[in-house]
Structures are given as C-alpha cells and as structure tokens.
Amino acid sequence: MSEASVKPVSMKCKICGGDLANDYMLGACVCENCGNRWSLADLIPNYKDYSRIIEKLNKAKELLADGADEAQSGQALILYKSAEADCLKFTDAIASDLLKLCNKGQEDAKTAKIYASGKSYLEKENFRKAFSEFEKIRGYKDTEMLIPQCEEGIKIQRKKRIPYAVIVGMILPAILGFFLHEKAGLNIPLSILVFAAGSALLFFVIYMEGTLSVIVEIFSFLLSVPLILYMILAYGFHMAPGTAVKLAVGIPVAVVAVIAVLAERKQ
C-alpha cells in the first residue's frame, strides 16, 4: 500500500468481511484481515468516472519523484488543484477519498517546490536564501544536514564581505561629516566622530546583509561618484564650492544621459 493510501468509507471484503485498504493510484485494494486483493474497477461500478482524476494524481506523483525541480513541483501542484476541482463534481465516498489525496498532494508539491528552490540557491552559493527556504521545511529529506551547511556558508561569506563592508560603509558617513563641517560649521573632531560612528553602524548593516543593506549600498554608490568629483574639483583644482557641486552632480547625470541616448540609437 502506498504512502498516500486512504481507507474506503464503506467497502468490505467479499470473503471475510474485513476492512479493505485501497490504493487509488494503483486501482487496487487489499483486505487487511485475509490479504485478498481485488481491482477497484471490479468493486466500484462507476469507478471509470474517476479515471481522469486518478490519471492526474498519478502524473503529479511522477513529477514529485526524487529530484523534482521547481518547475516540476509547480506542474504537480497545478495537477493536484485540477484534480481537486474534478473531485468536487462528485459527492460520494470515492470522491471524498480522492479529495484527501488531492489535498495531501498539494501540500507535498508545495514542500517539494520550497526544497527545490533551496537546493537551487545552495548550488548558486546564495546561502542566506537557501537557509531561509530550508528553515520553512525543517525535517524534510536532508534539510537537517543542509541547514548547518548553509549557516557555515553564511559565516564564510560574511568574513569575505568585511573589506567591502568597511569601504562602502564609509561613503555616506564621509558625505555627512563633510557636509556638517563645511555647511553646518561643525568642528573637525566632532565631524570625525560622526564619520566614525556612522561608518561603524553602516559597516554592521552591510555586513549582516538584508534589505537595509541593499538600500545603503545603492545610496552609497549613487553618491560616491559625485563626492569624488567634488573633492577633485574643489580641492584639486581649487574650484568654488558652488560650481564644484554643480559639476559633480551634472557630469554623472550627463554621462548617463549620453549612454542612454547612444544605446537607444543602436537599437
């Protein structure tokens, strides 16, 4: 008897009267008392009415065999939902049994899809997302072994991320400290303190990754080019601050605009 088998509501063995355990996937039933086996098609007059449902269930089960990827799991889920819709057209005990298989199958398909997604992230060494997926289905297959593997991968990647986090984490605090000193009149020691505190905070945010880290990184890169240009123009070429700001912002915008126009012409 398969894992997805369910007991019939009212079917009894013709020989001993014992309860029959059936497997709708195989279209057979076995007496739990005497062991005799029969075809469900011989016992249920209208069994052929359910052939389309059983065909979908078998196809979905095949798709969920070991090694099913996200696409196959998604297809299996669609088949289970379709079979469920077909079951609701009937109101007898057989339909009730098949509906249970549909519901269980949908849960299995969802779990398999999450597992496949986690494996895909793991192969790409995206350990953080892989860990998040496996956490949802702890205990399924080899997730108890894969979760520690993801945690170790996250630790290693974070160590490698330290130099990057240090550099990027200094950009916004540097801009803020410079602005406070130049425009707000804050003295140099306090400006340095603002820079140091801000850098430490943003280093930690970037090091830990996540949504906030992405936002910080985007703003840092967007502002880094104008800042560097301003420093070169204002201090390297001794240009007036107002003019240096306009050029520092205007040059990157103009470059991006030119690139966009050229790309559009090529198309």
Protein backbone atom coordinates (compact mmCIF):
# COMPACT_ATOMS: atom_id res chain seq x y z
CA MET A 1 0.00 0.00 0.00
CA SER A 2 1.38 3.40 -0.98
CA GLU A 3 2.07 6.25 1.43
CA ALA A 4 -0.86 8.24 0.07
CA SER A 5 -3.40 5.41 0.51
CA VAL A 6 -6.60 6.05 2.45
CA LYS A 7 -9.21 3.64 3.73
CA PRO A 8 -12.57 3.39 1.94
CA VAL A 9 -15.66 4.54 3.78
CA SER A 10 -17.93 1.53 3.33
CA MET A 11 -16.17 -1.17 1.28
CA LYS A 12 -15.79 -4.62 2.86
CA CYS A 13 -14.01 -7.82 1.84
CA LYS A 14 -16.28 -10.20 -0.10
CA ILE A 15 -14.70 -13.23 1.57
CA CYS A 16 -14.24 -12.38 5.24
CA GLY A 17 -16.00 -9.04 5.59
CA GLY A 18 -12.80 -7.35 6.74
CA ASP A 19 -11.89 -3.72 6.04
CA LEU A 20 -10.31 -3.01 2.66
CA ALA A 21 -7.26 -0.81 2.37
CA ASN A 22 -7.15 0.64 -1.10
CA ASP A 23 -4.64 2.37 -3.30
CA TYR A 24 -6.41 4.57 -5.82
CA MET A 25 -3.14 5.22 -7.61
CA LEU A 26 -2.84 1.52 -8.47
CA GLY A 27 -6.58 0.94 -8.73
CA ALA A 28 -6.46 -1.96 -6.27
CA CYS A 29 -7.49 -2.84 -2.72
CA VAL A 30 -6.29 -5.40 -0.19
CA CYS A 31 -8.20 -6.93 2.71
CA GLU A 32 -6.46 -6.04 5.98
CA ASN A 33 -7.76 -9.28 7.51
CA CYS A 34 -7.26 -12.08 4.96
CA GLY A 35 -4.96 -10.36 2.44
CA ASN A 36 -7.09 -10.99 -0.63
CA ARG A 37 -6.63 -8.43 -3.39
CA TRP A 38 -9.12 -7.02 -5.91
CA SER A 39 -9.28 -4.43 -8.60
CA LEU A 40 -11.26 -1.37 -7.57
CA ALA A 41 -12.78 -1.27 -11.04
CA ASP A 42 -14.43 -4.65 -10.28
CA LEU A 43 -15.82 -3.49 -6.94
CA ILE A 44 -17.00 0.01 -7.84
CA PRO A 45 -19.49 0.20 -10.74
CA ASN A 46 -18.77 3.83 -11.64
CA TYR A 47 -15.02 3.68 -10.99
CA LYS A 48 -14.26 4.71 -14.59
CA ASP A 49 -15.82 8.11 -13.82
CA TYR A 50 -12.76 8.82 -11.70
CA SER A 51 -10.16 7.69 -14.23
CA ARG A 52 -9.34 11.28 -15.27
CA ILE A 53 -8.79 12.31 -11.64
CA ILE A 54 -6.58 9.29 -10.92
CA GLU A 55 -4.59 9.94 -14.09
CA LYS A 56 -3.84 13.49 -12.89
CA LEU A 57 -2.89 12.23 -9.43
CA ASN A 58 -0.51 9.64 -10.90
CA LYS A 59 1.07 12.20 -13.22
CA ALA A 60 1.56 14.62 -10.32
CA LYS A 61 3.11 11.83 -8.23
CA GLU A 62 5.57 11.06 -11.03
CA LEU A 63 6.56 14.73 -11.23
CA LEU A 64 7.29 14.75 -7.50
CA ALA A 65 9.66 11.80 -7.71
CA ASP A 66 13.12 12.27 -6.17
CA GLY A 67 14.98 15.13 -7.83
CA ALA A 68 11.91 17.16 -8.81
CA ASP A 69 12.88 20.76 -9.59
CA GLU A 70 10.81 23.91 -9.06
CA ALA A 71 9.12 23.65 -12.46
CA GLN A 72 8.10 20.02 -11.94
CA SER A 73 6.84 20.77 -8.43
CA GLY A 74 4.82 23.67 -9.79
CA GLN A 75 3.31 21.45 -12.50
CA ALA A 76 2.43 18.82 -9.90
CA LEU A 77 0.70 21.46 -7.78
CA ILE A 78 -1.39 22.55 -10.78
CA LEU A 79 -2.40 18.93 -11.46
CA TYR A 80 -3.43 18.39 -7.84
CA LYS A 81 -5.55 21.52 -7.89
CA SER A 82 -7.16 20.46 -11.16
CA ALA A 83 -7.89 17.00 -9.75
CA GLU A 84 -9.39 18.65 -6.67
CA ALA A 85 -11.76 20.66 -8.87
CA ASP A 86 -12.82 17.42 -10.61
CA CYS A 87 -13.43 15.70 -7.27
CA LEU A 88 -15.82 18.43 -6.18
CA LYS A 89 -18.14 17.44 -9.02
CA PHE A 90 -18.96 14.22 -7.12
CA THR A 91 -20.40 13.75 -3.64
CA ASP A 92 -19.82 10.05 -2.92
CA ALA A 93 -17.29 8.31 -0.68
CA ILE A 94 -14.80 7.69 -3.50
CA ALA A 95 -14.69 11.39 -4.34
CA SER A 96 -14.14 12.12 -0.65
CA ASP A 97 -11.18 9.73 -0.55
CA LEU A 98 -9.67 11.17 -3.72
CA LEU A 99 -10.13 14.70 -2.40
CA LYS A 100 -7.97 13.78 0.59
CA LEU A 101 -5.25 12.63 -1.81
CA CYS A 102 -5.53 15.92 -3.70
CA ASN A 103 -5.14 17.96 -0.51
CA LYS A 104 -2.19 15.91 0.69
CA GLY A 105 -0.63 16.09 -2.76
CA GLN A 106 -0.85 19.88 -2.81
CA GLU A 107 0.99 20.07 0.50
CA ASP A 108 3.64 17.66 -0.81
CA ALA A 109 4.04 19.71 -4.00
CA LYS A 110 4.44 22.97 -2.06
CA THR A 111 7.05 21.38 0.20
CA ALA A 112 8.92 19.91 -2.78
CA LYS A 113 8.91 23.29 -4.50
CA ILE A 114 10.40 25.01 -1.45
CA TYR A 115 13.04 22.28 -1.18
CA ALA A 116 13.94 22.58 -4.87
CA SER A 117 14.18 26.36 -4.50
CA GLY A 118 16.52 25.96 -1.54
CA LYS A 119 18.71 23.49 -3.44
CA SER A 120 18.88 25.91 -6.38
CA TYR A 121 20.02 28.75 -4.11
CA LEU A 122 22.54 26.42 -2.46
CA GLU A 123 24.07 25.45 -5.82
CA LYS A 124 24.47 29.17 -6.61
CA GLU A 125 26.09 29.65 -3.16
CA ASN A 126 23.33 32.02 -2.09
CA PHE A 127 23.46 30.52 1.39
CA ARG A 128 21.24 33.11 3.07
CA LYS A 129 18.26 32.47 0.77
CA ALA A 130 18.87 28.72 0.80
CA PHE A 131 18.82 28.78 4.61
CA SER A 132 15.54 30.73 4.57
CA GLU A 133 13.90 28.14 2.30
CA PHE A 134 15.13 25.09 4.24
CA GLU A 135 14.01 26.65 7.52
CA LYS A 136 10.40 26.54 6.25
CA ILE A 137 10.53 22.75 5.84
CA ARG A 138 12.80 21.55 8.64
CA GLY A 139 12.82 17.76 8.84
CA TYR A 140 12.05 17.24 5.16
CA LYS A 141 14.54 14.96 3.38
CA ASP A 142 18.10 16.11 4.21
CA THR A 143 17.28 19.65 5.37
CA GLU A 144 18.68 18.97 8.84
CA MET A 145 22.06 18.41 7.18
CA LEU A 146 21.73 21.24 4.65
CA ILE A 147 20.77 23.95 7.19
CA PRO A 148 24.12 23.75 9.08
CA GLN A 149 25.86 23.75 5.69
CA CYS A 150 24.06 27.00 4.82
CA GLU A 151 24.93 28.53 8.19
CA GLU A 152 28.62 27.73 7.67
CA GLY A 153 28.45 29.19 4.15
CA ILE A 154 26.89 32.39 5.51
CA LYS A 155 29.72 32.75 8.05
CA ILE A 156 32.41 32.29 5.40
CA GLN A 157 30.79 34.76 3.01
CA ARG A 158 30.40 37.35 5.77
CA LYS A 159 34.11 37.12 6.57
CA LYS A 160 34.92 37.72 2.91
CA ARG A 161 32.48 40.63 2.93
CA ILE A 162 34.31 42.56 5.68
CA PRO A 163 36.64 44.65 3.40
CA TYR A 164 33.70 45.51 1.13
CA ALA A 165 31.51 46.44 4.12
CA VAL A 166 34.26 48.66 5.56
CA ILE A 167 34.77 50.61 2.31
CA VAL A 168 31.11 51.02 1.37
CA GLY A 169 30.14 51.76 4.97
CA MET A 170 32.39 54.84 4.99
CA ILE A 171 30.84 56.59 1.96
CA LEU A 172 27.63 58.01 3.44
CA PRO A 173 29.21 58.94 6.82
CA ALA A 174 32.02 60.71 4.92
CA ILE A 175 29.48 62.76 2.98
CA LEU A 176 27.54 63.56 6.14
CA GLY A 177 30.66 64.51 8.12
CA PHE A 178 31.92 66.68 5.27
CA PHE A 179 28.55 68.42 4.92
CA LEU A 180 28.32 69.09 8.66
CA HIS A 181 31.81 70.55 8.69
CA GLU A 182 31.53 72.66 5.53
CA LYS A 183 27.90 73.77 5.69
CA ALA A 184 26.88 73.50 9.34
CA GLY A 185 30.17 74.67 10.82
CA LEU A 186 30.75 71.57 12.92
CA ASN A 187 34.34 71.40 14.15
CA ILE A 188 36.69 68.74 12.76
CA PRO A 189 36.85 66.47 15.88
CA LEU A 190 33.04 66.21 16.01
CA SER A 191 32.85 65.68 12.25
CA ILE A 192 35.36 62.84 12.59
CA LEU A 193 33.28 61.39 15.46
CA VAL A 194 30.14 61.48 13.28
CA PHE A 195 32.08 59.81 10.49
CA ALA A 196 33.47 57.08 12.77
CA ALA A 197 30.12 56.31 14.43
CA GLY A 198 28.26 56.31 11.13
CA SER A 199 30.87 54.09 9.48
CA ALA A 200 30.68 51.57 12.32
CA LEU A 201 26.88 51.44 12.12
CA LEU A 202 26.74 51.08 8.34
CA PHE A 203 29.55 48.51 8.37
CA PHE A 204 27.42 46.34 10.64
CA VAL A 205 24.30 46.84 8.44
CA ILE A 206 26.16 45.87 5.25
CA TYR A 207 27.98 43.00 6.97
CA MET A 208 24.67 41.48 8.15
CA GLU A 209 23.11 41.88 4.67
CA GLY A 210 19.34 42.15 4.18
CA THR A 211 17.02 44.78 2.72
CA LEU A 212 18.50 47.68 4.69
CA SER A 213 21.97 46.69 3.49
CA VAL A 214 20.83 46.85 -0.14
CA ILE A 215 19.36 50.34 0.38
CA VAL A 216 22.60 51.58 1.98
CA GLU A 217 24.69 50.11 -0.84
CA ILE A 218 22.55 51.72 -3.55
CA PHE A 219 22.70 55.17 -1.97
CA SER A 220 26.42 54.79 -1.30
CA PHE A 221 27.23 54.03 -4.91
CA LEU A 222 24.89 56.73 -6.21
CA LEU A 223 26.58 59.36 -4.06
CA SER A 224 30.19 58.14 -4.24
CA VAL A 225 30.90 59.39 -7.78
CA PRO A 226 29.62 62.97 -7.16
CA LEU A 227 31.56 63.05 -3.87
CA ILE A 228 34.82 62.01 -5.52
CA LEU A 229 34.31 64.50 -8.34
CA TYR A 230 33.57 67.27 -5.86
CA MET A 231 36.70 66.52 -3.85
CA ILE A 232 38.82 66.60 -7.04
CA LEU A 233 37.27 69.82 -8.34
CA ALA A 234 37.09 71.70 -5.04
CA TYR A 235 40.40 70.66 -3.53
CA GLY A 236 42.41 69.50 -6.52
CA PHE A 237 41.52 72.35 -8.86
CA HIS A 238 40.51 74.84 -6.12
CA MET A 239 37.16 75.44 -7.77
CA ALA A 240 34.42 77.41 -6.00
CA PRO A 241 32.23 75.07 -3.85
CA GLY A 242 29.01 76.03 -5.66
CA THR A 243 30.46 75.37 -9.10
CA ALA A 244 32.12 72.16 -7.91
CA VAL A 245 28.80 70.84 -6.59
CA LYS A 246 27.01 71.60 -9.87
CA LEU A 247 29.69 69.91 -11.95
CA ALA A 248 29.99 66.93 -9.55
CA VAL A 249 26.28 66.24 -9.90
CA GLY A 250 25.88 67.33 -13.52
CA ILE A 251 28.73 65.34 -15.06
CA PRO A 252 27.49 61.86 -13.93
CA VAL A 253 23.93 62.75 -14.98
CA ALA A 254 25.17 63.91 -18.41
CA VAL A 255 27.27 60.76 -18.87
CA VAL A 256 24.30 58.53 -18.03
CA ALA A 257 22.08 60.52 -20.42
CA VAL A 258 24.61 60.20 -23.27
CA ILE A 259 24.97 56.46 -22.70
CA ALA A 260 21.17 56.06 -22.73
CA VAL A 261 20.84 58.02 -25.99
CA LEU A 262 23.61 56.01 -27.68
CA ALA A 263 22.10 52.74 -26.53
CA GLU A 264 18.70 53.76 -27.88
CA ARG A 265 20.20 54.72 -31.27
CA LYS A 266 21.92 51.34 -31.55
CA GLN A 267 18.56 49.63 -31.01
